[in-house]
Protein backbone atom coordinates (compact mmCIF):
# COMPACT_ATOMS: atom_id res chain seq x y z
CA MET A 1 102.21 123.83 79.01
CA ARG A 2 104.05 122.18 82.31
CA ASP A 3 106.05 119.30 82.47
CA ALA A 4 105.16 116.07 84.30
CA ALA A 5 108.10 116.23 86.22
CA ARG A 6 106.23 115.51 90.28
CA MET A 7 109.21 114.60 93.19
CA ILE A 8 107.98 113.96 96.25
CA ARG A 9 108.41 117.03 98.36
CA LEU A 10 108.17 118.33 102.67
CA GLU A 11 108.33 121.86 103.80
CA THR A 12 110.55 123.46 106.26
CA ALA A 13 109.82 128.04 106.77
CA THR A 14 112.89 128.29 104.55
CA HIS A 15 113.50 125.41 102.44
CA TRP A 16 111.91 122.44 99.66
CA ILE A 17 112.51 119.24 101.06
CA LEU A 18 112.92 117.13 97.49
CA VAL A 19 112.50 113.13 97.52
CA THR A 20 113.53 111.97 93.78
CA HIS A 21 111.05 109.20 92.41
CA PRO A 22 113.89 106.40 92.40
CA ASP A 23 114.89 107.17 95.71
CA HIS A 24 111.21 106.80 96.66
CA ALA A 25 111.22 103.34 94.36
CA ARG A 26 114.40 102.03 96.48
CA ILE A 27 112.73 102.78 99.78
CA ALA A 28 110.25 101.00 98.93
CA GLY A 29 111.73 97.73 97.82
CA GLU A 30 113.92 97.80 100.74
CA PHE A 31 110.58 97.89 103.18
CA ALA A 32 109.96 94.62 100.77
CA ASP A 33 112.73 93.20 101.00
CA ALA A 34 111.88 93.51 104.93
CA TRP A 35 108.35 91.83 104.21
CA GLY A 36 107.72 88.05 105.95
CA ASN A 37 107.50 86.58 109.22
CA GLU A 38 106.56 83.57 111.15
CA ARG A 39 103.17 85.34 110.45
CA PHE A 40 103.48 86.82 106.90
CA PRO A 41 104.50 85.47 104.23
CA ARG A 42 106.76 86.68 101.15
CA PRO A 43 104.24 86.73 98.14
CA GLU A 44 106.13 84.85 94.99
CA PRO A 45 107.10 84.91 93.03
CA PHE A 46 109.23 87.05 95.23
CA GLY A 47 111.96 88.07 92.59
CA ALA A 48 109.25 89.78 89.84
CA MET A 49 107.89 91.48 92.92
CA ARG A 50 110.54 93.04 94.22
CA HIS A 51 111.77 94.02 91.16
CA ALA A 52 108.76 95.46 90.58
CA VAL A 53 109.28 97.22 93.24
CA TYR A 54 112.55 98.45 93.53
CA HIS A 55 112.41 100.13 89.58
CA HIS A 56 108.51 100.95 89.17
CA ASP A 57 109.64 105.23 89.23
CA ASP A 58 112.71 104.67 87.01
CA GLY A 59 110.62 106.41 84.07
CA TRP A 60 110.85 109.66 86.18
CA ARG A 61 115.05 109.47 86.45
CA ALA A 62 114.93 111.98 83.59
CA ARG A 63 112.05 114.11 84.75
CA ASP A 64 113.38 114.37 87.90
CA ALA A 65 117.13 115.59 86.54
CA ALA A 66 114.73 118.30 85.01
CA PRO A 67 112.17 120.22 87.64
CA VAL A 68 109.78 122.07 87.20
CA LEU A 69 107.71 124.94 89.31
CA THR A 70 104.26 125.44 89.89
CA ARG A 71 102.29 128.72 88.70
CA ASP A 72 102.93 129.72 92.61
CA ASN A 73 106.54 129.25 92.42
CA ARG A 74 106.43 125.65 94.37
CA PRO A 75 108.61 122.69 93.18
CA GLU A 76 105.90 120.86 91.14
CA ALA A 77 105.72 117.83 93.61
CA PHE A 78 103.80 114.76 95.71
CA THR A 79 102.63 116.52 98.85
CA ARG A 80 101.45 114.67 102.26
CA GLN A 81 98.46 116.13 101.41
CA LEU A 82 98.32 113.51 97.85
CA VAL A 83 99.15 110.57 100.07
CA GLY A 84 95.68 108.63 99.15
CA THR A 85 94.65 110.65 96.40
CA TYR A 86 95.94 111.46 92.88
CA SER A 87 93.43 114.62 91.78
CA ALA A 88 96.09 117.04 91.05
CA PHE A 89 95.56 116.14 86.76
CA GLU A 90 94.69 119.59 85.99
CA GLU A 91 98.62 120.75 87.36
CA ILE A 92 100.45 118.74 84.76
CA ASP A 93 100.84 117.83 81.06
CA LEU A 94 98.53 114.42 80.96
CA PRO A 95 99.88 113.56 77.74
CA SER A 96 104.09 114.30 78.92
CA TYR A 97 102.75 112.33 82.07
CA LEU A 98 101.69 109.56 80.50
CA ARG A 99 104.59 109.00 78.26
CA VAL A 100 106.65 108.52 81.40
CA ARG A 101 104.27 106.19 82.91
CA GLY A 102 104.27 104.51 80.07
CA GLN A 103 108.25 104.15 78.85
CA ALA A 104 108.20 103.28 83.63
CA THR A 105 106.55 99.74 82.44
CA ALA A 106 108.22 99.25 79.49
CA GLU A 107 111.96 99.79 80.80
CA VAL A 108 110.99 97.15 83.91
CA ALA A 109 109.20 94.46 81.18
CA ALA A 110 112.37 94.81 79.03
CA GLN A 111 114.58 93.56 82.11
CA ASN A 112 111.68 91.56 83.65
CA LYS A 113 108.16 90.77 81.52
CA ALA A 114 106.52 89.80 84.69
CA ALA A 115 107.86 92.62 87.03
CA GLY A 116 106.56 94.80 83.92
CA ILE A 117 103.05 93.92 84.66
CA LEU A 118 102.73 94.95 88.33
CA VAL A 119 104.16 98.41 87.23
CA SER A 120 101.59 98.55 84.07
CA MET A 121 98.67 97.21 86.85
CA HIS A 122 99.97 100.03 89.61
CA THR A 123 99.60 102.57 86.63
CA THR A 124 96.52 101.93 85.38
CA ASN A 125 95.05 101.66 88.75
CA LEU A 126 96.56 105.19 89.90
CA LEU A 127 94.93 106.41 86.72
CA THR A 128 91.42 104.69 87.19
CA GLU A 129 90.76 103.25 90.84
CA GLN A 130 92.98 106.47 92.57
CA ALA A 131 92.57 108.79 90.25
CA ASP A 132 89.81 111.75 90.45
CA LEU A 133 88.75 112.06 86.75
CA ALA A 134 87.02 115.31 87.01
CA THR A 135 89.86 116.93 87.23
CA ILE A 136 91.09 115.55 83.99
CA ARG A 137 90.92 118.76 81.15
CA PRO A 138 89.00 117.82 77.97
CA GLU A 139 91.90 117.86 75.52
CA HIS A 140 93.55 114.87 77.45
CA ARG A 141 90.90 112.89 78.10
CA GLY A 142 90.80 110.85 75.20
CA ALA A 143 94.93 110.33 75.58
CA HIS A 144 94.12 109.03 78.66
CA ALA A 145 91.67 106.73 77.60
CA GLU A 146 93.94 105.35 74.66
CA PHE A 147 96.64 104.78 77.10
CA LEU A 148 94.51 102.77 79.65
CA ALA A 149 93.48 100.29 76.43
CA GLY A 150 97.21 100.03 75.63
CA GLN A 151 98.07 99.53 79.23
CA LEU A 152 95.07 96.71 79.39
CA ALA A 153 95.83 95.06 76.40
CA TRP A 154 100.07 94.65 76.84
CA GLN A 155 99.00 92.98 80.45
CA HIS A 156 96.61 90.78 79.19
CA THR A 157 99.52 89.68 76.17
CA ALA A 158 102.27 89.84 78.51
CA ALA A 159 100.38 87.40 81.95
CA GLN A 160 99.77 84.71 78.39
CA GLU A 161 103.34 84.90 77.45
CA THR A 162 104.66 84.70 80.78
CA GLY A 163 102.08 82.28 82.09
CA MET A 164 101.28 84.49 85.34
CA ASP A 165 98.11 83.80 86.46
CA PRO A 166 94.94 86.25 87.93
CA ALA A 167 95.63 85.31 91.51
CA THR A 168 99.34 86.02 91.57
CA LEU A 169 99.13 89.11 89.06
CA ARG A 170 96.81 90.49 91.73
CA ARG A 171 98.84 89.36 94.60
CA GLY A 172 101.88 91.20 93.07
CA PHE A 173 99.95 94.04 92.74
CA GLU A 174 98.59 95.19 95.83
CA PHE A 175 102.30 94.23 97.20
CA LEU A 176 103.55 96.59 95.11
CA GLN A 177 101.10 99.62 96.31
CA CYS A 178 101.50 98.60 99.87
CA CYS A 179 105.18 99.31 99.61
CA ASP A 180 104.71 102.03 97.32
CA ASN A 181 101.97 103.99 99.96
CA LEU A 182 104.53 102.76 102.64
CA SER A 183 107.45 104.88 100.90
CA LEU A 184 105.79 107.78 99.94
CA ILE A 185 104.03 107.95 103.83
CA VAL A 186 107.52 108.24 104.88
CA CYS A 187 109.27 110.40 102.21
CA SER A 188 106.63 112.90 102.47
CA GLY A 189 106.47 113.04 105.95
CA TYR A 190 102.87 112.12 106.21
CA ASP A 191 101.40 113.12 110.12
CA GLY A 192 98.20 110.71 110.66
CA ALA A 193 97.26 107.51 111.20
CA ARG A 194 96.16 105.40 108.15
CA ASP A 195 96.42 101.76 106.45
CA LEU A 196 98.54 100.67 103.78
CA ARG A 197 96.71 99.85 100.26
CA HIS A 198 95.10 96.69 100.69
CA ARG A 199 94.49 93.64 102.78
CA HIS A 200 97.53 91.06 102.98
CA PRO A 201 97.27 87.61 103.77
CA ASP A 202 98.43 85.45 107.09
CA ARG A 203 100.05 82.59 106.59
CA GLU A 204 96.46 81.28 107.19
CA GLY A 205 94.58 82.88 104.43
CA ARG A 206 93.57 85.49 106.59
CA HIS A 207 93.74 88.95 105.05
CA HIS A 208 94.81 91.77 107.56
CA ALA A 209 94.62 95.51 107.44
CA ILE A 210 97.88 97.14 108.15
CA ARG A 211 98.09 99.96 110.19
CA CYS A 212 100.79 102.52 109.84
CA ALA A 213 100.84 105.22 112.44
CA PRO A 214 103.45 108.34 113.49
CA ALA A 215 105.86 107.55 116.55
CA GLY A 216 107.72 110.43 117.39
CA ALA A 217 109.38 112.82 115.09
CA SER A 218 110.98 110.58 112.71
CA GLY A 219 109.29 107.29 113.11
CA TYR A 220 106.26 104.98 112.17
CA THR A 221 104.32 102.08 114.10
CA LEU A 222 103.05 98.71 111.83
CA THR A 223 100.14 97.42 113.21
CA PRO A 224 100.61 93.92 112.63
CA TRP A 225 104.11 93.84 112.17
CA PRO A 226 104.78 91.94 108.73
CA CYS A 227 108.83 92.22 108.38
CA ALA A 228 111.58 89.64 109.81
CA ASP A 229 113.61 92.07 112.45
CA GLY A 230 111.71 94.08 114.62
CA GLU A 231 113.07 97.61 113.89
CA ILE A 232 113.85 98.92 110.16
CA VAL A 233 115.68 102.04 109.87
CA LEU A 234 115.48 103.50 106.54
CA GLN A 235 117.93 106.74 105.09
CA VAL A 236 115.88 108.46 103.06
CA PRO A 237 117.93 110.78 100.96
CA PHE A 238 116.59 114.43 99.90
CA ARG A 239 117.91 117.83 98.34
CA ALA A 240 117.08 121.08 100.45
CA VAL A 241 116.38 123.69 97.84
CA PRO A 242 116.25 127.68 99.41
CA LYS A 243 112.31 128.97 98.60
CA SER A 244 114.42 132.27 97.91
CA ALA A 245 115.96 130.33 94.65
CA CYS A 246 112.35 129.45 93.20
CA THR A 247 112.34 132.94 92.05
CA SER A 248 112.31 131.16 88.14
CA VAL A 249 112.30 127.54 86.80
CA ASP A 250 116.43 127.87 85.92
CA ALA A 251 117.16 129.51 89.44
CA TYR A 252 115.38 126.25 90.38
CA ARG A 253 117.23 123.94 88.98
CA GLN A 254 120.27 125.37 89.59
CA ALA A 255 119.93 124.97 92.96
CA PHE A 256 118.42 121.90 92.85
CA HIS A 257 121.45 120.34 91.33
CA ALA A 258 123.38 122.32 93.75
CA ALA A 259 122.05 121.12 96.62
CA PRO A 260 124.09 117.90 98.44
CA ILE A 261 122.18 114.77 98.79
CA GLU A 262 121.29 114.21 102.59
CA THR A 263 119.33 111.73 104.52
CA ARG A 264 116.81 111.48 106.31
CA ARG A 265 116.63 108.91 109.57
CA VAL A 266 113.00 107.17 109.32
CA VAL A 267 113.21 103.74 111.74
CA LEU A 268 109.54 101.64 111.67
CA ARG A 269 109.08 99.29 114.69
CA SER A 270 106.34 96.76 115.46
CA GLY A 271 103.03 98.52 116.83
């Protein structure tokens, strides 16, 4: 049965371009840090929300260090085709995946319980609203239901312990998902225009969809612009693994760890 490692993957004619989950989360965090201007306020409490964004995928660190291949010898990974959906459960060992997701929440909560609630909300949303539940194998449906029930119960208890009200939690959850979505678009090289997840409030309480559109080979525009500076430069770390090395899991892992870490420059600008 296959593991649950799912890095972010781009493809060239000869190589797989791979971005780890923690690096993706750092890009999301840099976008969170840039958020806020005369039109769009930073959400509060920003410290907890920022922590959630930067660390929401920490639980994947060990998994990304031991990557695996699909049945057709492709690196098992999130691709641009999956932006906006979460459907390939038949391709993974779901119980193992759920353990990673639960670990990610627990690790964040141990440092900042309010941030942990937001990560848990993000996880349960991925596994419900954004998921194609028809792709869950029958033998895994019980584990899926049990995991969700446990996460929801923990969210309720932790919210009482931290004094976080539902409106604040909802805003933090939406902010985390927006930053996560932007980073997935950037890291996967998504080549279409789409709204970032959720509508976001301006200083007068009006909510806006933020449109993200490709701008040339290495940039995107955001409309309306929610950030303080007029331009954001992101350096996306990646490894380039030759397709020829993906003949077995062992060969792939060896090539992955031997590949130098490079960076791809992406620029965000106002649309």
